[in-house]
Amino acid sequence: MKGLPEERAITFAHYIIEHHTTVRATAKEFHISKSTVHMVIVK
């Protein structure tokens, strides 16, 4: 997934909140590593 880090963080956060899911499930949905999801959300 490309784009600005802020936009990616918002996208991931919305997905997690709307689907009541985990970082691991979010990573699987977006085809990226869970470390990447965690890094983007924490920063």
C-alpha atoms as a PDB file:
ATOM      1  CA  MET A   1       0.000   0.000   0.000  1.00  0.00           C
ATOM      2  CA  LYS A   2       1.463   3.311  -1.076  1.00  0.00           C
ATOM      3  CA  GLY A   3       0.611   6.783   0.108  1.00  0.00           C
ATOM      4  CA  LEU A   4       1.392   9.276   2.789  1.00  0.00           C
ATOM      5  CA  PRO A   5       2.081   7.794   6.226  1.00  0.00           C
ATOM      6  CA  GLU A   6      -0.735   9.851   7.765  1.00  0.00           C
ATOM      7  CA  GLU A   7      -3.248   8.522   5.232  1.00  0.00           C
ATOM      8  CA  ARG A   8      -2.065   4.958   5.779  1.00  0.00           C
ATOM      9  CA  ALA A   9      -2.406   5.333   9.550  1.00  0.00           C
ATOM     10  CA  ILE A  10      -5.950   6.649   9.179  1.00  0.00           C
ATOM     11  CA  THR A  11      -6.860   3.838   6.781  1.00  0.00           C
ATOM     12  CA  PHE A  12      -5.511   1.166   9.134  1.00  0.00           C
ATOM     13  CA  ALA A  13      -7.137   2.757  12.179  1.00  0.00           C
ATOM     14  CA  HIS A  14     -10.529   2.960  10.470  1.00  0.00           C
ATOM     15  CA  TYR A  15     -10.273  -0.672   9.394  1.00  0.00           C
ATOM     16  CA  ILE A  16      -9.358  -1.825  12.906  1.00  0.00           C
ATOM     17  CA  ILE A  17     -12.166   0.164  14.523  1.00  0.00           C
ATOM     18  CA  GLU A  18     -14.866  -0.669  11.969  1.00  0.00           C
ATOM     19  CA  HIS A  19     -14.095  -4.391  11.857  1.00  0.00           C
ATOM     20  CA  HIS A  20     -13.086  -4.841  15.527  1.00  0.00           C
ATOM     21  CA  THR A  21      -9.961  -6.625  14.369  1.00  0.00           C
ATOM     22  CA  THR A  22      -6.338  -7.035  15.371  1.00  0.00           C
ATOM     23  CA  VAL A  23      -3.108  -5.701  13.893  1.00  0.00           C
ATOM     24  CA  ARG A  24      -2.391  -9.185  12.552  1.00  0.00           C
ATOM     25  CA  ALA A  25      -5.768  -9.427  10.766  1.00  0.00           C
ATOM     26  CA  THR A  26      -5.361  -5.903   9.403  1.00  0.00           C
ATOM     27  CA  ALA A  27      -1.948  -6.778   8.000  1.00  0.00           C
ATOM     28  CA  LYS A  28      -3.379  -9.855   6.334  1.00  0.00           C
ATOM     29  CA  GLU A  29      -6.188  -7.819   4.755  1.00  0.00           C
ATOM     30  CA  PHE A  30      -3.764  -5.242   3.313  1.00  0.00           C
ATOM     31  CA  HIS A  31      -1.116  -7.865   2.376  1.00  0.00           C
ATOM     32  CA  ILE A  32       1.629  -6.316   4.510  1.00  0.00           C
ATOM     33  CA  SER A  33       3.476  -7.380   7.644  1.00  0.00           C
ATOM     34  CA  LYS A  34       2.037  -6.835  11.097  1.00  0.00           C
ATOM     35  CA  SER A  35       5.199  -4.945  11.981  1.00  0.00           C
ATOM     36  CA  THR A  36       4.415  -2.442   9.244  1.00  0.00           C
ATOM     37  CA  VAL A  37       0.868  -1.899  10.502  1.00  0.00           C
ATOM     38  CA  HIS A  38       2.092  -1.469  14.057  1.00  0.00           C
ATOM     39  CA  MET A  39       4.870   0.925  12.991  1.00  0.00           C
ATOM     40  CA  VAL A  40       2.504   3.105  10.950  1.00  0.00           C
ATOM     41  CA  ILE A  41      -0.130   3.310  13.684  1.00  0.00           C
ATOM     42  CA  VAL A  42       2.304   3.993  16.525  1.00  0.00           C
ATOM     43  CA  LYS A  43       4.122   6.780  14.670  1.00  0.00           C
END
